[in-house]
Amino acid sequence: LVQPGGSLKLSCTASGFTLDYYAVGWFRQAPGKERERVSCI
């Protein structure tokens, strides 16, 4: 929970495989809304 104007850093850690040759994306879903893409690398 953060106030408007604040910052957060999310982490995504993989286990069981190496991410080197995987594209990784962040997606989000708000209540009552469809999932949307946020950012990918």
ModelCIF file with pLDDT and N, C-alpha, C, O atoms, coordinates in Angstrom:
data_MODEL
#
_entry.id   MODEL 
#
_entity.id                         1 
_entity.type                       polymer 
_entity.pdbx_number_of_molecules   1 
#
_entity_poly.entity_id                      1 
_entity_poly.type                           'polypeptide(L)' 
_entity_poly.nstd_linkage                   no 
_entity_poly.nstd_monomer                   no 
_entity_poly.pdbx_seq_one_letter_code       LVQPGGSLKLSCTASGFTLDYYAVGWFRQAPGKERERVSCI 
_entity_poly.pdbx_seq_one_letter_code_can   LVQPGGSLKLSCTASGFTLDYYAVGWFRQAPGKERERVSCI 
_entity_poly.pdbx_strand_id                 A 
#
loop_
_entity_poly_seq.entity_id 
_entity_poly_seq.num 
_entity_poly_seq.mon_id 
_entity_poly_seq.hetero 
1 1  LEU n 
1 2  VAL n 
1 3  GLN n 
1 4  PRO n 
1 5  GLY n 
1 6  GLY n 
1 7  SER n 
1 8  LEU n 
1 9  LYS n 
1 10 LEU n 
1 11 SER n 
1 12 CYS n 
1 13 THR n 
1 14 ALA n 
1 15 SER n 
1 16 GLY n 
1 17 PHE n 
1 18 THR n 
1 19 LEU n 
1 20 ASP n 
1 21 TYR n 
1 22 TYR n 
1 23 ALA n 
1 24 VAL n 
1 25 GLY n 
1 26 TRP n 
1 27 PHE n 
1 28 ARG n 
1 29 GLN n 
1 30 ALA n 
1 31 PRO n 
1 32 GLY n 
1 33 LYS n 
1 34 GLU n 
1 35 ARG n 
1 36 GLU n 
1 37 ARG n 
1 38 VAL n 
1 39 SER n 
1 40 CYS n 
1 41 ILE n 
#
_struct_asym.id          A 
_struct_asym.entity_id   1 
#
loop_
_ma_qa_metric.id 
_ma_qa_metric.mode 
_ma_qa_metric.name 
_ma_qa_metric.software_group_id 
_ma_qa_metric.type 
1 global pLDDT . pLDDT 
2 local  pLDDT . pLDDT 
#
_ma_qa_metric_global.metric_id      1 
_ma_qa_metric_global.metric_value   96.51 
_ma_qa_metric_global.model_id       1 
_ma_qa_metric_global.ordinal_id     1 
#
loop_
_ma_qa_metric_local.label_asym_id 
_ma_qa_metric_local.label_comp_id 
_ma_qa_metric_local.label_seq_id 
_ma_qa_metric_local.metric_id 
_ma_qa_metric_local.metric_value 
_ma_qa_metric_local.model_id 
_ma_qa_metric_local.ordinal_id 
A LEU 1  2 98.00 1 1  
A VAL 2  2 98.00 1 2  
A GLN 3  2 98.00 1 3  
A PRO 4  2 98.00 1 4  
A GLY 5  2 98.00 1 5  
A GLY 6  2 98.00 1 6  
A SER 7  2 98.00 1 7  
A LEU 8  2 98.00 1 8  
A LYS 9  2 98.00 1 9  
A LEU 10 2 98.00 1 10 
A SER 11 2 98.00 1 11 
A CYS 12 2 98.00 1 12 
A THR 13 2 98.00 1 13 
A ALA 14 2 97.00 1 14 
A SER 15 2 95.00 1 15 
A GLY 16 2 94.00 1 16 
A PHE 17 2 93.00 1 17 
A THR 18 2 94.00 1 18 
A LEU 19 2 94.00 1 19 
A ASP 20 2 93.00 1 20 
A TYR 21 2 92.00 1 21 
A TYR 22 2 95.00 1 22 
A ALA 23 2 95.00 1 23 
A VAL 24 2 97.00 1 24 
A GLY 25 2 97.00 1 25 
A TRP 26 2 98.00 1 26 
A PHE 27 2 98.00 1 27 
A ARG 28 2 98.00 1 28 
A GLN 29 2 98.00 1 29 
A ALA 30 2 97.00 1 30 
A PRO 31 2 92.00 1 31 
A GLY 32 2 94.00 1 32 
A LYS 33 2 96.00 1 33 
A GLU 34 2 96.00 1 34 
A ARG 35 2 96.00 1 35 
A GLU 36 2 97.00 1 36 
A ARG 37 2 97.00 1 37 
A VAL 38 2 98.00 1 38 
A SER 39 2 98.00 1 39 
A CYS 40 2 98.00 1 40 
A ILE 41 2 96.00 1 41 
#
loop_
_atom_site.group_PDB 
_atom_site.id 
_atom_site.type_symbol 
_atom_site.label_atom_id 
_atom_site.label_alt_id 
_atom_site.label_comp_id 
_atom_site.label_asym_id 
_atom_site.label_entity_id 
_atom_site.label_seq_id 
_atom_site.pdbx_PDB_ins_code 
_atom_site.Cartn_x 
_atom_site.Cartn_y 
_atom_site.Cartn_z 
_atom_site.occupancy 
_atom_site.B_iso_or_equiv 
_atom_site.pdbx_formal_charge 
_atom_site.auth_seq_id 
_atom_site.auth_comp_id 
_atom_site.auth_asym_id 
_atom_site.auth_atom_id 
_atom_site.pdbx_PDB_model_num 
ATOM 1   N N  . LEU A 1 1  ? 0.861   -1.177  0.000   1.00 98.00 ? 1  LEU A N  1 
ATOM 2   C CA . LEU A 1 1  ? 0.000   0.000   0.000   1.00 98.00 ? 1  LEU A CA 1 
ATOM 3   C C  . LEU A 1 1  ? 0.898   1.227   0.000   1.00 98.00 ? 1  LEU A C  1 
ATOM 4   O O  . LEU A 1 1  ? 1.778   1.346   0.853   1.00 98.00 ? 1  LEU A O  1 
ATOM 5   N N  . VAL A 1 2  ? 0.695   2.133   -0.934  1.00 98.00 ? 2  VAL A N  1 
ATOM 6   C CA . VAL A 1 2  ? 1.534   3.317   -1.049  1.00 98.00 ? 2  VAL A CA 1 
ATOM 7   C C  . VAL A 1 2  ? 0.664   4.518   -1.374  1.00 98.00 ? 2  VAL A C  1 
ATOM 8   O O  . VAL A 1 2  ? -0.382  4.379   -2.007  1.00 98.00 ? 2  VAL A O  1 
ATOM 9   N N  . GLN A 1 3  ? 1.092   5.693   -0.946  1.00 98.00 ? 3  GLN A N  1 
ATOM 10  C CA . GLN A 1 3  ? 0.340   6.915   -1.228  1.00 98.00 ? 3  GLN A CA 1 
ATOM 11  C C  . GLN A 1 3  ? 0.566   7.371   -2.662  1.00 98.00 ? 3  GLN A C  1 
ATOM 12  O O  . GLN A 1 3  ? 1.597   7.059   -3.257  1.00 98.00 ? 3  GLN A O  1 
ATOM 13  N N  . PRO A 1 4  ? -0.379  8.099   -3.214  1.00 98.00 ? 4  PRO A N  1 
ATOM 14  C CA . PRO A 1 4  ? -0.163  8.665   -4.560  1.00 98.00 ? 4  PRO A CA 1 
ATOM 15  C C  . PRO A 1 4  ? 1.126   9.478   -4.607  1.00 98.00 ? 4  PRO A C  1 
ATOM 16  O O  . PRO A 1 4  ? 1.433   10.242  -3.693  1.00 98.00 ? 4  PRO A O  1 
ATOM 17  N N  . GLY A 1 5  ? 1.867   9.294   -5.690  1.00 98.00 ? 5  GLY A N  1 
ATOM 18  C CA . GLY A 1 5  ? 3.157   9.951   -5.836  1.00 98.00 ? 5  GLY A CA 1 
ATOM 19  C C  . GLY A 1 5  ? 4.314   9.136   -5.307  1.00 98.00 ? 5  GLY A C  1 
ATOM 20  O O  . GLY A 1 5  ? 5.475   9.488   -5.515  1.00 98.00 ? 5  GLY A O  1 
ATOM 21  N N  . GLY A 1 6  ? 4.006   8.053   -4.626  1.00 98.00 ? 6  GLY A N  1 
ATOM 22  C CA . GLY A 1 6  ? 5.050   7.207   -4.057  1.00 98.00 ? 6  GLY A CA 1 
ATOM 23  C C  . GLY A 1 6  ? 5.656   6.246   -5.066  1.00 98.00 ? 6  GLY A C  1 
ATOM 24  O O  . GLY A 1 6  ? 5.320   6.261   -6.250  1.00 98.00 ? 6  GLY A O  1 
ATOM 25  N N  . SER A 1 7  ? 6.560   5.409   -4.566  1.00 98.00 ? 7  SER A N  1 
ATOM 26  C CA . SER A 1 7  ? 7.285   4.470   -5.415  1.00 98.00 ? 7  SER A CA 1 
ATOM 27  C C  . SER A 1 7  ? 7.257   3.069   -4.812  1.00 98.00 ? 7  SER A C  1 
ATOM 28  O O  . SER A 1 7  ? 7.158   2.894   -3.598  1.00 98.00 ? 7  SER A O  1 
ATOM 29  N N  . LEU A 1 8  ? 7.344   2.094   -5.681  1.00 98.00 ? 8  LEU A N  1 
ATOM 30  C CA . LEU A 1 8  ? 7.506   0.692   -5.294  1.00 98.00 ? 8  LEU A CA 1 
ATOM 31  C C  . LEU A 1 8  ? 8.406   0.024   -6.310  1.00 98.00 ? 8  LEU A C  1 
ATOM 32  O O  . LEU A 1 8  ? 8.484   0.441   -7.466  1.00 98.00 ? 8  LEU A O  1 
ATOM 33  N N  . LYS A 1 9  ? 9.090   -1.027  -5.860  1.00 98.00 ? 9  LYS A N  1 
ATOM 34  C CA . LYS A 1 9  ? 9.900   -1.832  -6.775  1.00 98.00 ? 9  LYS A CA 1 
ATOM 35  C C  . LYS A 1 9  ? 9.438   -3.274  -6.660  1.00 98.00 ? 9  LYS A C  1 
ATOM 36  O O  . LYS A 1 9  ? 9.586   -3.897  -5.609  1.00 98.00 ? 9  LYS A O  1 
ATOM 37  N N  . LEU A 1 10 ? 8.889   -3.795  -7.722  1.00 98.00 ? 10 LEU A N  1 
ATOM 38  C CA . LEU A 1 10 ? 8.455   -5.187  -7.751  1.00 98.00 ? 10 LEU A CA 1 
ATOM 39  C C  . LEU A 1 10 ? 9.581   -6.076  -8.259  1.00 98.00 ? 10 LEU A C  1 
ATOM 40  O O  . LEU A 1 10 ? 10.376  -5.670  -9.107  1.00 98.00 ? 10 LEU A O  1 
ATOM 41  N N  . SER A 1 11 ? 9.638   -7.285  -7.732  1.00 98.00 ? 11 SER A N  1 
ATOM 42  C CA . SER A 1 11 ? 10.616  -8.275  -8.165  1.00 98.00 ? 11 SER A CA 1 
ATOM 43  C C  . SER A 1 11 ? 9.906   -9.517  -8.667  1.00 98.00 ? 11 SER A C  1 
ATOM 44  O O  . SER A 1 11 ? 8.849   -9.894  -8.163  1.00 98.00 ? 11 SER A O  1 
ATOM 45  N N  . CYS A 1 12 ? 10.497  -10.142 -9.660  1.00 98.00 ? 12 CYS A N  1 
ATOM 46  C CA . CYS A 1 12 ? 10.001  -11.405 -10.202 1.00 98.00 ? 12 CYS A CA 1 
ATOM 47  C C  . CYS A 1 12 ? 11.191  -12.348 -10.292 1.00 98.00 ? 12 CYS A C  1 
ATOM 48  O O  . CYS A 1 12 ? 12.083  -12.155 -11.118 1.00 98.00 ? 12 CYS A O  1 
ATOM 49  N N  . THR A 1 13 ? 11.202  -13.356 -9.450  1.00 98.00 ? 13 THR A N  1 
ATOM 50  C CA . THR A 1 13 ? 12.324  -14.292 -9.389  1.00 98.00 ? 13 THR A CA 1 
ATOM 51  C C  . THR A 1 13 ? 11.892  -15.650 -9.902  1.00 98.00 ? 13 THR A C  1 
ATOM 52  O O  . THR A 1 13 ? 10.842  -16.172 -9.529  1.00 98.00 ? 13 THR A O  1 
ATOM 53  N N  . ALA A 1 14 ? 12.721  -16.211 -10.765 1.00 97.00 ? 14 ALA A N  1 
ATOM 54  C CA . ALA A 1 14 ? 12.429  -17.513 -11.350 1.00 97.00 ? 14 ALA A CA 1 
ATOM 55  C C  . ALA A 1 14 ? 13.194  -18.611 -10.629 1.00 97.00 ? 14 ALA A C  1 
ATOM 56  O O  . ALA A 1 14 ? 14.309  -18.406 -10.148 1.00 97.00 ? 14 ALA A O  1 
ATOM 57  N N  . SER A 1 15 ? 12.581  -19.760 -10.568 1.00 95.00 ? 15 SER A N  1 
ATOM 58  C CA . SER A 1 15 ? 13.257  -20.966 -10.070 1.00 95.00 ? 15 SER A CA 1 
ATOM 59  C C  . SER A 1 15 ? 12.869  -22.119 -10.980 1.00 95.00 ? 15 SER A C  1 
ATOM 60  O O  . SER A 1 15 ? 11.773  -22.153 -11.538 1.00 95.00 ? 15 SER A O  1 
ATOM 61  N N  . GLY A 1 16 ? 13.792  -23.061 -11.115 1.00 94.00 ? 16 GLY A N  1 
ATOM 62  C CA . GLY A 1 16 ? 13.532  -24.208 -11.979 1.00 94.00 ? 16 GLY A CA 1 
ATOM 63  C C  . GLY A 1 16 ? 13.909  -23.984 -13.427 1.00 94.00 ? 16 GLY A C  1 
ATOM 64  O O  . GLY A 1 16 ? 13.899  -24.931 -14.213 1.00 94.00 ? 16 GLY A O  1 
ATOM 65  N N  . PHE A 1 17 ? 14.242  -22.758 -13.805 1.00 93.00 ? 17 PHE A N  1 
ATOM 66  C CA . PHE A 1 17 ? 14.710  -22.464 -15.152 1.00 93.00 ? 17 PHE A CA 1 
ATOM 67  C C  . PHE A 1 17 ? 15.439  -21.122 -15.119 1.00 93.00 ? 17 PHE A C  1 
ATOM 68  O O  . PHE A 1 17 ? 15.309  -20.338 -14.179 1.00 93.00 ? 17 PHE A O  1 
ATOM 69  N N  . THR A 1 18 ? 16.215  -20.887 -16.188 1.00 94.00 ? 18 THR A N  1 
ATOM 70  C CA . THR A 1 18 ? 17.013  -19.664 -16.281 1.00 94.00 ? 18 THR A CA 1 
ATOM 71  C C  . THR A 1 18 ? 16.314  -18.680 -17.209 1.00 94.00 ? 18 THR A C  1 
ATOM 72  O O  . THR A 1 18 ? 15.894  -19.032 -18.312 1.00 94.00 ? 18 THR A O  1 
ATOM 73  N N  . LEU A 1 19 ? 16.198  -17.447 -16.744 1.00 94.00 ? 19 LEU A N  1 
ATOM 74  C CA . LEU A 1 19 ? 15.471  -16.434 -17.500 1.00 94.00 ? 19 LEU A CA 1 
ATOM 75  C C  . LEU A 1 19 ? 16.242  -15.819 -18.662 1.00 94.00 ? 19 LEU A C  1 
ATOM 76  O O  . LEU A 1 19 ? 15.682  -15.055 -19.449 1.00 94.00 ? 19 LEU A O  1 
ATOM 77  N N  . ASP A 1 20 ? 17.524  -16.151 -18.768 1.00 93.00 ? 20 ASP A N  1 
ATOM 78  C CA . ASP A 1 20 ? 18.384  -15.463 -19.744 1.00 93.00 ? 20 ASP A CA 1 
ATOM 79  C C  . ASP A 1 20 ? 17.751  -15.324 -21.127 1.00 93.00 ? 20 ASP A C  1 
ATOM 80  O O  . ASP A 1 20 ? 17.759  -14.240 -21.711 1.00 93.00 ? 20 ASP A O  1 
ATOM 81  N N  . TYR A 1 21 ? 17.200  -16.424 -21.651 1.00 92.00 ? 21 TYR A N  1 
ATOM 82  C CA . TYR A 1 21 ? 16.631  -16.378 -22.997 1.00 92.00 ? 21 TYR A CA 1 
ATOM 83  C C  . TYR A 1 21 ? 15.099  -16.435 -22.974 1.00 92.00 ? 21 TYR A C  1 
ATOM 84  O O  . TYR A 1 21 ? 14.460  -17.004 -23.858 1.00 92.00 ? 21 TYR A O  1 
ATOM 85  N N  . TYR A 1 22 ? 14.546  -15.828 -21.936 1.00 95.00 ? 22 TYR A N  1 
ATOM 86  C CA . TYR A 1 22 ? 13.110  -15.647 -21.863 1.00 95.00 ? 22 TYR A CA 1 
ATOM 87  C C  . TYR A 1 22 ? 12.795  -14.162 -21.847 1.00 95.00 ? 22 TYR A C  1 
ATOM 88  O O  . TYR A 1 22 ? 13.452  -13.382 -21.158 1.00 95.00 ? 22 TYR A O  1 
ATOM 89  N N  . ALA A 1 23 ? 11.785  -13.780 -22.612 1.00 95.00 ? 23 ALA A N  1 
ATOM 90  C CA . ALA A 1 23 ? 11.212  -12.460 -22.418 1.00 95.00 ? 23 ALA A CA 1 
ATOM 91  C C  . ALA A 1 23 ? 10.389  -12.502 -21.134 1.00 95.00 ? 23 ALA A C  1 
ATOM 92  O O  . ALA A 1 23 ? 9.747   -13.509 -20.832 1.00 95.00 ? 23 ALA A O  1 
ATOM 93  N N  . VAL A 1 24 ? 10.410  -11.425 -20.395 1.00 97.00 ? 24 VAL A N  1 
ATOM 94  C CA . VAL A 1 24 ? 9.655   -11.348 -19.152 1.00 97.00 ? 24 VAL A CA 1 
ATOM 95  C C  . VAL A 1 24 ? 8.771   -10.108 -19.188 1.00 97.00 ? 24 VAL A C  1 
ATOM 96  O O  . VAL A 1 24 ? 9.210   -9.018  -19.554 1.00 97.00 ? 24 VAL A O  1 
ATOM 97  N N  . GLY A 1 25 ? 7.543   -10.300 -18.808 1.00 97.00 ? 25 GLY A N  1 
ATOM 98  C CA . GLY A 1 25 ? 6.593   -9.190  -18.830 1.00 97.00 ? 25 GLY A CA 1 
ATOM 99  C C  . GLY A 1 25 ? 5.913   -8.999  -17.498 1.00 97.00 ? 25 GLY A C  1 
ATOM 100 O O  . GLY A 1 25 ? 5.773   -9.928  -16.702 1.00 97.00 ? 25 GLY A O  1 
ATOM 101 N N  . TRP A 1 26 ? 5.495   -7.775  -17.278 1.00 98.00 ? 26 TRP A N  1 
ATOM 102 C CA . TRP A 1 26 ? 4.647   -7.441  -16.137 1.00 98.00 ? 26 TRP A CA 1 
ATOM 103 C C  . TRP A 1 26 ? 3.263   -7.084  -16.673 1.00 98.00 ? 26 TRP A C  1 
ATOM 104 O O  . TRP A 1 26 ? 3.122   -6.281  -17.594 1.00 98.00 ? 26 TRP A O  1 
ATOM 105 N N  . PHE A 1 27 ? 2.268   -7.691  -16.084 1.00 98.00 ? 27 PHE A N  1 
ATOM 106 C CA . PHE A 1 27 ? 0.884   -7.468  -16.451 1.00 98.00 ? 27 PHE A CA 1 
ATOM 107 C C  . PHE A 1 27 ? 0.114   -7.137  -15.179 1.00 98.00 ? 27 PHE A C  1 
ATOM 108 O O  . PHE A 1 27 ? 0.555   -7.470  -14.079 1.00 98.00 ? 27 PHE A O  1 
ATOM 109 N N  . ARG A 1 28 ? -1.020  -6.492  -15.323 1.00 98.00 ? 28 ARG A N  1 
ATOM 110 C CA . ARG A 1 28 ? -1.794  -6.158  -14.122 1.00 98.00 ? 28 ARG A CA 1 
ATOM 111 C C  . ARG A 1 28 ? -3.286  -6.325  -14.394 1.00 98.00 ? 28 ARG A C  1 
ATOM 112 O O  . ARG A 1 28 ? -3.755  -6.243  -15.529 1.00 98.00 ? 28 ARG A O  1 
ATOM 113 N N  . GLN A 1 29 ? -3.999  -6.561  -13.312 1.00 98.00 ? 29 GLN A N  1 
ATOM 114 C CA . GLN A 1 29 ? -5.447  -6.691  -13.405 1.00 98.00 ? 29 GLN A CA 1 
ATOM 115 C C  . GLN A 1 29 ? -6.084  -6.004  -12.211 1.00 98.00 ? 29 GLN A C  1 
ATOM 116 O O  . GLN A 1 29 ? -5.851  -6.374  -11.061 1.00 98.00 ? 29 GLN A O  1 
ATOM 117 N N  . ALA A 1 30 ? -6.888  -5.000  -12.508 1.00 97.00 ? 30 ALA A N  1 
ATOM 118 C CA . ALA A 1 30 ? -7.630  -4.283  -11.475 1.00 97.00 ? 30 ALA A CA 1 
ATOM 119 C C  . ALA A 1 30 ? -9.003  -4.930  -11.305 1.00 97.00 ? 30 ALA A C  1 
ATOM 120 O O  . ALA A 1 30 ? -9.493  -5.582  -12.227 1.00 97.00 ? 30 ALA A O  1 
ATOM 121 N N  . PRO A 1 31 ? -9.623  -4.760  -10.152 1.00 92.00 ? 31 PRO A N  1 
ATOM 122 C CA . PRO A 1 31 ? -10.947 -5.345  -9.926  1.00 92.00 ? 31 PRO A CA 1 
ATOM 123 C C  . PRO A 1 31 ? -11.948 -4.920  -10.996 1.00 92.00 ? 31 PRO A C  1 
ATOM 124 O O  . PRO A 1 31 ? -12.103 -3.733  -11.280 1.00 92.00 ? 31 PRO A O  1 
ATOM 125 N N  . GLY A 1 32 ? -12.617 -5.895  -11.577 1.00 94.00 ? 32 GLY A N  1 
ATOM 126 C CA . GLY A 1 32 ? -13.638 -5.607  -12.572 1.00 94.00 ? 32 GLY A CA 1 
ATOM 127 C C  . GLY A 1 32 ? -13.107 -5.252  -13.945 1.00 94.00 ? 32 GLY A C  1 
ATOM 128 O O  . GLY A 1 32 ? -13.879 -4.901  -14.837 1.00 94.00 ? 32 GLY A O  1 
ATOM 129 N N  . LYS A 1 33 ? -11.795 -5.337  -14.124 1.00 96.00 ? 33 LYS A N  1 
ATOM 130 C CA . LYS A 1 33 ? -11.192 -4.989  -15.416 1.00 96.00 ? 33 LYS A CA 1 
ATOM 131 C C  . LYS A 1 33 ? -10.436 -6.181  -15.985 1.00 96.00 ? 33 LYS A C  1 
ATOM 132 O O  . LYS A 1 33 ? -10.090 -7.124  -15.273 1.00 96.00 ? 33 LYS A O  1 
ATOM 133 N N  . GLU A 1 34 ? -10.191 -6.112  -17.288 1.00 96.00 ? 34 GLU A N  1 
ATOM 134 C CA . GLU A 1 34 ? -9.402  -7.149  -17.930 1.00 96.00 ? 34 GLU A CA 1 
ATOM 135 C C  . GLU A 1 34 ? -7.918  -6.962  -17.619 1.00 96.00 ? 34 GLU A C  1 
ATOM 136 O O  . GLU A 1 34 ? -7.455  -5.861  -17.321 1.00 96.00 ? 34 GLU A O  1 
ATOM 137 N N  . ARG A 1 35 ? -7.201  -8.063  -17.698 1.00 96.00 ? 35 ARG A N  1 
ATOM 138 C CA . ARG A 1 35 ? -5.751  -7.985  -17.539 1.00 96.00 ? 35 ARG A CA 1 
ATOM 139 C C  . ARG A 1 35 ? -5.157  -7.119  -18.652 1.00 96.00 ? 35 ARG A C  1 
ATOM 140 O O  . ARG A 1 35 ? -5.581  -7.201  -19.804 1.00 96.00 ? 35 ARG A O  1 
ATOM 141 N N  . GLU A 1 36 ? -4.179  -6.297  -18.299 1.00 97.00 ? 36 GLU A N  1 
ATOM 142 C CA . GLU A 1 36 ? -3.507  -5.470  -19.301 1.00 97.00 ? 36 GLU A CA 1 
ATOM 143 C C  . GLU A 1 36 ? -1.997  -5.597  -19.160 1.00 97.00 ? 36 GLU A C  1 
ATOM 144 O O  . GLU A 1 36 ? -1.475  -5.875  -18.080 1.00 97.00 ? 36 GLU A O  1 
ATOM 145 N N  . ARG A 1 37 ? -1.330  -5.394  -20.245 1.00 97.00 ? 37 ARG A N  1 
ATOM 146 C CA . ARG A 1 37 ? 0.131   -5.435  -20.225 1.00 97.00 ? 37 ARG A CA 1 
ATOM 147 C C  . ARG A 1 37 ? 0.656   -4.123  -19.672 1.00 97.00 ? 37 ARG A C  1 
ATOM 148 O O  . ARG A 1 37 ? 0.064   -3.066  -19.893 1.00 97.00 ? 37 ARG A O  1 
ATOM 149 N N  . VAL A 1 38 ? 1.741   -4.191  -18.971 1.00 98.00 ? 38 VAL A N  1 
ATOM 150 C CA . VAL A 1 38 ? 2.354   -3.014  -18.373 1.00 98.00 ? 38 VAL A CA 1 
ATOM 151 C C  . VAL A 1 38 ? 3.712   -2.742  -19.011 1.00 98.00 ? 38 VAL A C  1 
ATOM 152 O O  . VAL A 1 38 ? 3.963   -1.657  -19.536 1.00 98.00 ? 38 VAL A O  1 
ATOM 153 N N  . SER A 1 39 ? 4.579   -3.743  -18.957 1.00 98.00 ? 39 SER A N  1 
ATOM 154 C CA . SER A 1 39 ? 5.930   -3.579  -19.478 1.00 98.00 ? 39 SER A CA 1 
ATOM 155 C C  . SER A 1 39 ? 6.536   -4.946  -19.725 1.00 98.00 ? 39 SER A C  1 
ATOM 156 O O  . SER A 1 39 ? 6.245   -5.902  -19.006 1.00 98.00 ? 39 SER A O  1 
ATOM 157 N N  . CYS A 1 40 ? 7.379   -5.038  -20.740 1.00 98.00 ? 40 CYS A N  1 
ATOM 158 C CA . CYS A 1 40 ? 8.057   -6.287  -21.061 1.00 98.00 ? 40 CYS A CA 1 
ATOM 159 C C  . CYS A 1 40 ? 9.494   -6.008  -21.437 1.00 98.00 ? 40 CYS A C  1 
ATOM 160 O O  . CYS A 1 40 ? 9.823   -4.931  -21.935 1.00 98.00 ? 40 CYS A O  1 
ATOM 161 N N  . ILE A 1 41 ? 10.348  -6.991  -21.195 1.00 96.00 ? 41 ILE A N  1 
ATOM 162 C CA . ILE A 1 41 ? 11.751  -6.887  -21.565 1.00 96.00 ? 41 ILE A CA 1 
ATOM 163 C C  . ILE A 1 41 ? 12.147  -8.166  -22.270 1.00 96.00 ? 41 ILE A C  1 
ATOM 164 O O  . ILE A 1 41 ? 13.298  -8.313  -22.681 1.00 96.00 ? 41 ILE A O  1 
#
